[in-house]
Amino acid sequence: MAAADFVKEWFDTDVLQAAVAARGIFGTSMGVWSAGSTAVLLLAAASDPVPGGTSVTAIGGPGAVTRAMAEAAREAGADIRTSAEVVRILVKDGRATGVALADGTELAARVVVSSADPRRTFLRLVDPMDLDPGFLTRVRNYRAPGTVAKINVALRRLPAFRAVSGDPLVMLRGRVHIGPTLDYLEQAHDASKYGEISAAPYLDVSFPSLADPSSAPAGRHVMSVYMQYAPFQLRDGRTWQTHREVLADVVFLTLEQCAPGISGLVEHRQVITPADLESAYGLTGGHIFHGELALDQLFTMRPTLGWAQYRSPLANLFLCGSGTHPGHGLTGGSGRNAAREILKTAPTG
């Protein structure tokens, strides 16, 4: 069922329909009229019942979360290495035995747990000779077409949105949805099907500095913008290297219609394209959820049918990233479920 059909059964107002339906397409390559988008909407609602989705900002930024996790892990006895790229998962007799690092170091392990996406894990880190050809075919068919771009912006002050009549320090603490109707969202999606950047994109905007003043100097603010649709593969051989600023200009033209004068408040902007998400962050296809959230890649079929319990065909190799169930957002669900599975099946001692 399409998310557009679902919300039309429950809501009459155009903007409310669009705001709720958008949760069924965020981070995906689907439009609101795409079959199966309701499943994504309901999956998102299961982890966060707020109709439009909750805006959460960590005090100190995302790094504060990872630092807290690292501290807890060290207290439990973990040894953490950073800037230590894994280039190969070591396998012997059908079992993962450790990892090889880019500097040539090999680390032996009773259990190897990968938070990389399934395609990167099995097609780049594991020797294909160690995997069944049928399983490899399934992994190669696992779809990860990224369509999300991210823009981080430093602002001189908060912008004035036409739709905001109250105190912006209060009214802008949540998420700003730019996508007024279902047709608007679907038209934004249409462009991406042909390798084009959406001329009137769907935007999800927030101002982290309102919840965390330490993220910007006094009186100034930072703005976070998720933009759809920005296809990983542009048509006619065009590259994101040459179209990075084109995308940013499209985003600000759209923002200007809702918050006149916002472009003049910009002190700096960082544009992260789907290509950047792959090259800098290791997300195959630039997909922020490690793979498309489609009915044939959800629940017992994530990442593939027969391997949805965080295990892999190689003994002692487990997956714990968004390429496993539940597969979206920063819920921690995949990691928690993987840890429980590891404790049940992995050797101890």
Protein backbone atom coordinates (compact mmCIF):
# COMPACT_ATOMS: atom_id res chain seq x y z
CA MET A 1 0.00 0.00 0.00
CA ALA A 2 1.24 3.47 -0.84
CA ALA A 3 1.73 5.91 2.02
CA ALA A 4 -0.37 8.45 0.11
CA ASP A 5 -3.35 6.08 0.07
CA PHE A 6 -2.89 5.31 3.76
CA VAL A 7 -2.83 8.92 4.98
CA LYS A 8 -5.76 9.88 2.77
CA GLU A 9 -7.86 7.37 4.71
CA TRP A 10 -7.08 9.12 7.98
CA PHE A 11 -6.47 12.82 7.28
CA ASP A 12 -8.19 15.49 5.19
CA THR A 13 -5.68 18.36 5.31
CA ASP A 14 -3.08 18.43 2.53
CA VAL A 15 -0.13 19.50 4.66
CA LEU A 16 -0.95 16.97 7.40
CA GLN A 17 -1.21 14.18 4.85
CA ALA A 18 2.17 15.17 3.42
CA ALA A 19 3.91 15.55 6.78
CA VAL A 20 2.82 12.09 7.96
CA ALA A 21 3.39 10.35 4.61
CA ALA A 22 6.91 11.77 4.44
CA ARG A 23 7.95 9.37 7.20
CA GLY A 24 7.29 6.55 4.74
CA ILE A 25 9.78 7.91 2.20
CA PHE A 26 12.48 9.55 4.31
CA GLY A 27 15.86 8.07 3.43
CA THR A 28 14.42 5.83 0.71
CA SER A 29 14.26 5.95 -3.08
CA MET A 30 10.47 5.67 -3.00
CA GLY A 31 7.79 8.27 -3.49
CA VAL A 32 4.58 8.63 -1.49
CA TRP A 33 2.70 6.75 -4.21
CA SER A 34 5.20 3.87 -4.28
CA ALA A 35 3.87 0.47 -3.27
CA GLY A 36 5.20 -0.57 0.12
CA SER A 37 5.87 2.93 1.44
CA THR A 38 3.16 2.41 4.08
CA ALA A 39 5.23 -0.43 5.54
CA VAL A 40 8.12 1.99 6.02
CA LEU A 41 5.77 4.56 7.58
CA LEU A 42 4.43 2.02 10.08
CA LEU A 43 7.92 0.73 10.84
CA ALA A 44 9.02 4.28 11.66
CA ALA A 45 5.92 4.83 13.78
CA ALA A 46 6.60 1.64 15.74
CA SER A 47 9.88 3.10 17.01
CA ASP A 48 8.62 6.69 17.38
CA PRO A 49 4.85 7.24 17.71
CA VAL A 50 5.03 11.03 17.21
CA PRO A 51 3.13 11.56 13.90
CA GLY A 52 5.80 13.70 12.28
CA GLY A 53 8.76 12.07 13.98
CA THR A 54 10.70 13.32 16.98
CA SER A 55 13.60 15.75 16.65
CA VAL A 56 16.39 14.69 19.01
CA THR A 57 19.63 16.59 19.55
CA ALA A 58 22.48 15.25 21.66
CA ILE A 59 24.06 17.89 23.89
CA GLY A 60 27.61 18.16 22.62
CA GLY A 61 26.68 16.86 19.18
CA PRO A 62 26.65 13.31 17.78
CA GLY A 63 30.22 12.88 18.95
CA ALA A 64 29.02 13.11 22.54
CA VAL A 65 26.96 9.97 21.99
CA THR A 66 29.87 8.00 20.58
CA ARG A 67 32.17 9.23 23.35
CA ALA A 68 29.67 8.07 25.97
CA MET A 69 29.39 4.70 24.26
CA ALA A 70 33.16 4.41 24.06
CA GLU A 71 33.53 5.21 27.75
CA ALA A 72 30.97 2.55 28.67
CA ALA A 73 32.71 0.03 26.43
CA ARG A 74 36.12 0.74 27.95
CA GLU A 75 34.67 0.36 31.44
CA ALA A 76 33.48 -3.08 30.33
CA GLY A 77 37.01 -3.96 29.20
CA ALA A 78 36.91 -3.07 25.51
CA ASP A 79 40.00 -1.89 23.62
CA ILE A 80 38.99 0.67 20.99
CA ARG A 81 41.14 1.54 17.98
CA THR A 82 40.34 4.47 15.71
CA SER A 83 41.86 5.27 12.31
CA ALA A 84 42.29 1.52 11.89
CA GLU A 85 40.58 0.64 8.62
CA VAL A 86 39.56 -2.99 8.22
CA VAL A 87 40.32 -4.18 4.70
CA ARG A 88 39.58 -7.89 5.04
CA ILE A 89 37.73 -10.32 7.27
CA LEU A 90 39.91 -13.36 7.88
CA VAL A 91 38.24 -16.72 7.26
CA LYS A 92 39.39 -20.29 7.87
CA ASP A 93 37.34 -23.44 7.33
CA GLY A 94 34.11 -21.47 6.97
CA ARG A 95 34.62 -19.46 10.16
CA ALA A 96 35.55 -15.82 10.69
CA THR A 97 38.80 -15.77 12.66
CA GLY A 98 39.69 -12.07 12.76
CA VAL A 99 40.36 -9.01 10.62
CA ALA A 100 43.23 -7.52 8.63
CA LEU A 101 43.89 -3.78 8.86
CA ALA A 102 45.10 -1.43 6.15
CA ASP A 103 48.53 -1.19 7.81
CA GLY A 104 49.00 -4.96 7.56
CA THR A 105 48.12 -5.76 11.17
CA GLU A 106 46.04 -8.89 11.69
CA LEU A 107 43.82 -9.20 14.74
CA ALA A 108 42.55 -12.63 15.76
CA ALA A 109 39.04 -12.84 17.21
CA ARG A 110 36.55 -15.45 18.35
CA VAL A 111 33.73 -13.30 16.92
CA VAL A 112 33.71 -10.65 14.19
CA VAL A 113 30.80 -8.17 14.20
CA SER A 114 30.34 -5.84 11.22
CA SER A 115 28.34 -2.63 11.41
CA ALA A 116 29.17 -1.93 7.76
CA ASP A 117 26.37 -2.40 5.24
CA PRO A 118 25.79 -5.91 3.85
CA ARG A 119 27.20 -5.20 0.40
CA ARG A 120 30.40 -3.73 1.80
CA THR A 121 30.75 -6.55 4.33
CA PHE A 122 30.26 -9.47 1.97
CA LEU A 123 31.38 -8.07 -1.39
CA ARG A 124 34.45 -6.10 -0.26
CA LEU A 125 35.66 -7.41 3.08
CA VAL A 126 35.11 -11.14 2.56
CA ASP A 127 36.85 -13.18 -0.14
CA PRO A 128 34.08 -14.36 -2.52
CA MET A 129 35.67 -17.82 -2.53
CA ASP A 130 34.57 -18.15 1.10
CA LEU A 131 30.88 -17.62 0.33
CA ASP A 132 28.24 -19.66 -1.46
CA PRO A 133 27.55 -18.33 -5.00
CA GLY A 134 23.81 -18.27 -4.33
CA PHE A 135 24.28 -16.12 -1.25
CA LEU A 136 26.60 -13.78 -3.16
CA THR A 137 23.94 -13.36 -5.85
CA ARG A 138 21.41 -12.33 -3.22
CA VAL A 139 23.81 -9.80 -1.74
CA ARG A 140 24.60 -8.37 -5.17
CA ASN A 141 20.86 -7.97 -5.74
CA TYR A 142 20.43 -6.14 -2.43
CA ARG A 143 19.50 -2.59 -3.41
CA ALA A 144 21.06 0.51 -1.88
CA PRO A 145 20.22 3.48 -4.14
CA GLY A 146 20.94 6.55 -2.03
CA THR A 147 18.80 9.62 -2.68
CA VAL A 148 19.53 11.80 0.36
CA ALA A 149 21.88 14.77 0.60
CA LYS A 150 22.75 16.65 3.78
CA ILE A 151 23.63 20.32 4.21
CA ASN A 152 25.03 21.70 7.45
CA VAL A 153 24.75 25.48 7.70
CA ALA A 154 26.20 28.13 10.02
CA LEU A 155 23.77 31.07 10.35
CA ARG A 156 24.20 34.60 11.70
CA ARG A 157 20.80 34.28 13.36
CA LEU A 158 17.60 32.28 13.13
CA PRO A 159 15.63 32.75 9.91
CA ALA A 160 12.04 33.99 9.88
CA PHE A 161 9.70 31.38 8.39
CA ARG A 162 6.44 32.60 6.85
CA ALA A 163 4.49 29.86 8.63
CA VAL A 164 5.91 30.60 12.09
CA SER A 165 4.00 33.25 14.03
CA GLY A 166 5.23 32.53 17.55
CA ASP A 167 8.63 32.84 19.20
CA PRO A 168 11.13 31.14 16.82
CA LEU A 169 13.26 30.08 19.79
CA VAL A 170 10.33 27.88 20.76
CA MET A 171 8.62 27.15 17.44
CA LEU A 172 11.78 26.00 15.63
CA ARG A 173 12.91 23.52 18.29
CA GLY A 174 11.29 20.65 16.43
CA ARG A 175 11.54 19.68 12.77
CA VAL A 176 10.56 21.91 9.87
CA HIS A 177 8.89 19.92 7.11
CA ILE A 178 9.01 21.43 3.62
CA GLY A 179 6.79 19.42 1.33
CA PRO A 180 3.26 20.89 1.47
CA THR A 181 1.29 18.27 -0.45
CA LEU A 182 1.45 14.65 -1.53
CA ASP A 183 1.76 15.76 -5.15
CA TYR A 184 4.72 17.99 -4.23
CA LEU A 185 6.51 15.04 -2.60
CA GLU A 186 5.77 12.74 -5.53
CA GLN A 187 7.04 15.29 -8.05
CA ALA A 188 10.25 15.65 -6.04
CA HIS A 189 10.62 11.88 -6.33
CA ASP A 190 9.92 11.84 -10.07
CA ALA A 191 13.12 13.70 -10.93
CA SER A 192 15.31 11.16 -9.14
CA LYS A 193 13.93 8.29 -11.23
CA TYR A 194 15.69 9.83 -14.21
CA GLY A 195 18.94 10.75 -12.47
CA GLU A 196 17.94 14.36 -11.90
CA ILE A 197 18.20 16.56 -8.81
CA SER A 198 14.72 17.53 -7.65
CA ALA A 199 14.04 21.14 -8.62
CA ALA A 200 11.53 21.51 -5.76
CA PRO A 201 12.88 19.08 -3.15
CA TYR A 202 11.42 17.65 0.01
CA LEU A 203 13.38 19.11 2.94
CA ASP A 204 13.61 18.05 6.57
CA VAL A 205 15.11 20.96 8.54
CA SER A 206 16.19 21.34 12.16
CA PHE A 207 18.18 23.78 14.28
CA PRO A 208 20.37 21.76 16.69
CA SER A 209 21.74 24.93 18.33
CA LEU A 210 18.34 25.60 19.92
CA ALA A 211 18.65 22.44 22.01
CA ASP A 212 22.44 22.61 22.29
CA PRO A 213 23.70 26.23 22.48
CA SER A 214 27.28 24.94 22.68
CA SER A 215 27.11 24.02 18.98
CA ALA A 216 27.27 27.68 17.87
CA PRO A 217 28.68 31.00 19.14
CA ALA A 218 26.31 33.18 21.17
CA GLY A 219 23.56 34.64 18.99
CA ARG A 220 24.40 32.40 16.05
CA HIS A 221 22.86 29.09 15.03
CA VAL A 222 23.45 25.93 13.05
CA MET A 223 20.90 24.46 10.67
CA SER A 224 20.68 20.86 9.50
CA VAL A 225 18.95 20.11 6.20
CA TYR A 226 18.15 16.66 4.78
CA MET A 227 17.26 16.93 1.11
CA GLN A 228 15.42 14.49 -1.16
CA TYR A 229 15.82 13.63 -3.86
CA ALA A 230 19.47 13.57 -4.83
CA PRO A 231 20.17 10.36 -6.77
CA PHE A 232 23.52 8.69 -6.20
CA GLN A 233 23.93 8.22 -9.96
CA LEU A 234 23.32 11.40 -11.95
CA ARG A 235 22.30 11.10 -15.59
CA ASP A 236 24.40 11.78 -18.68
CA GLY A 237 27.71 11.17 -16.93
CA ARG A 238 27.40 14.15 -14.61
CA THR A 239 29.20 13.91 -11.28
CA TRP A 240 28.55 15.18 -7.78
CA GLN A 241 31.93 16.86 -7.85
CA THR A 242 30.57 19.34 -10.39
CA HIS A 243 26.97 19.43 -9.10
CA ARG A 244 27.58 19.80 -5.38
CA GLU A 245 26.86 23.53 -5.34
CA VAL A 246 24.02 23.12 -7.84
CA LEU A 247 22.27 20.98 -5.24
CA ALA A 248 22.92 23.52 -2.48
CA ASP A 249 21.55 26.34 -4.62
CA VAL A 250 18.36 24.37 -5.29
CA VAL A 251 17.93 23.78 -1.56
CA PHE A 252 18.31 27.46 -0.74
CA LEU A 253 15.96 28.53 -3.51
CA THR A 254 13.38 26.27 -1.88
CA LEU A 255 14.16 27.59 1.60
CA GLU A 256 13.84 31.18 0.38
CA GLN A 257 10.21 30.54 -0.54
CA CYS A 258 9.49 29.56 3.07
CA ALA A 259 11.98 31.79 4.90
CA PRO A 260 12.75 34.90 2.81
CA GLY A 261 16.27 36.22 3.30
CA ILE A 262 17.70 33.01 4.71
CA SER A 263 20.47 32.91 2.09
CA GLY A 264 21.82 36.21 3.40
CA LEU A 265 22.23 34.71 6.87
CA VAL A 266 24.62 31.98 5.76
CA GLU A 267 28.19 32.19 7.05
CA HIS A 268 29.22 28.74 5.89
CA ARG A 269 27.62 25.66 4.38
CA GLN A 270 28.83 22.07 4.11
CA VAL A 271 27.26 19.97 1.37
CA ILE A 272 27.31 16.19 1.79
CA THR A 273 26.21 14.37 -1.37
CA PRO A 274 25.32 10.69 -1.75
CA ALA A 275 28.77 10.20 -3.28
CA ASP A 276 30.33 11.68 -0.13
CA LEU A 277 28.27 9.33 2.02
CA GLU A 278 29.84 6.41 0.18
CA SER A 279 33.44 7.66 -0.07
CA ALA A 280 33.77 9.35 3.34
CA TYR A 281 31.38 7.31 5.47
CA GLY A 282 31.47 3.91 3.76
CA LEU A 283 27.75 3.77 2.93
CA THR A 284 27.40 1.75 -0.26
CA GLY A 285 25.37 3.70 -2.81
CA GLY A 286 25.21 6.60 -0.37
CA HIS A 287 22.20 4.99 1.33
CA ILE A 288 21.81 6.29 4.88
CA PHE A 289 19.97 3.14 6.00
CA HIS A 290 22.52 0.66 4.57
CA GLY A 291 20.01 -0.48 1.95
CA GLU A 292 16.58 0.30 0.59
CA LEU A 293 13.63 0.01 2.96
CA ALA A 294 11.43 -2.01 0.61
CA LEU A 295 9.08 -4.87 1.45
CA ASP A 296 11.45 -7.43 -0.05
CA GLN A 297 14.30 -6.04 2.10
CA LEU A 298 12.54 -5.69 5.46
CA PHE A 299 11.81 -7.88 8.46
CA THR A 300 12.73 -11.55 7.74
CA MET A 301 14.27 -10.53 4.41
CA ARG A 302 16.77 -7.98 5.72
CA PRO A 303 19.38 -8.23 4.36
CA THR A 304 18.37 -11.44 2.54
CA LEU A 305 15.91 -14.26 2.98
CA GLY A 306 17.39 -16.92 5.24
CA TRP A 307 19.89 -14.58 6.92
CA ALA A 308 17.78 -12.15 8.93
CA GLN A 309 18.96 -13.10 12.42
CA TYR A 310 22.16 -11.02 12.40
CA ARG A 311 24.17 -14.11 11.46
CA SER A 312 25.96 -14.86 8.21
CA PRO A 313 26.89 -17.99 6.25
CA LEU A 314 30.30 -17.74 7.93
CA ALA A 315 30.33 -18.98 11.51
CA ASN A 316 31.17 -16.29 14.08
CA LEU A 317 30.57 -13.42 11.62
CA PHE A 318 27.61 -11.25 12.59
CA LEU A 319 25.97 -8.08 11.26
CA CYS A 320 24.76 -5.30 13.56
CA GLY A 321 24.15 -2.29 11.28
CA SER A 322 21.09 -0.80 9.59
CA GLY A 323 21.29 -3.49 6.92
CA THR A 324 19.55 -5.71 9.49
CA HIS A 325 16.15 -5.45 11.17
CA PRO A 326 14.71 -2.92 12.02
CA GLY A 327 16.98 -1.13 9.58
CA HIS A 328 16.18 2.56 9.90
CA GLY A 329 17.05 5.53 12.07
CA LEU A 330 19.33 5.70 15.08
CA THR A 331 17.30 3.40 17.30
CA GLY A 332 20.07 1.06 18.42
CA GLY A 333 17.68 -1.80 17.71
CA SER A 334 19.95 -3.62 15.26
CA GLY A 335 22.91 -3.53 17.63
CA ARG A 336 20.90 -4.68 20.63
CA ASN A 337 19.33 -7.55 18.73
CA ALA A 338 22.68 -8.59 17.28
CA ALA A 339 24.28 -8.59 20.73
CA ARG A 340 21.57 -10.88 22.07
CA GLU A 341 22.05 -13.25 19.13
CA ILE A 342 25.81 -13.29 19.62
CA LEU A 343 25.44 -14.10 23.31
CA LYS A 344 23.20 -17.04 22.42
CA THR A 345 25.37 -18.60 19.74
CA ALA A 346 28.97 -17.40 19.96
CA PRO A 347 31.70 -19.21 21.90
CA THR A 348 32.54 -17.79 25.31
CA GLY A 349 35.61 -17.73 27.51
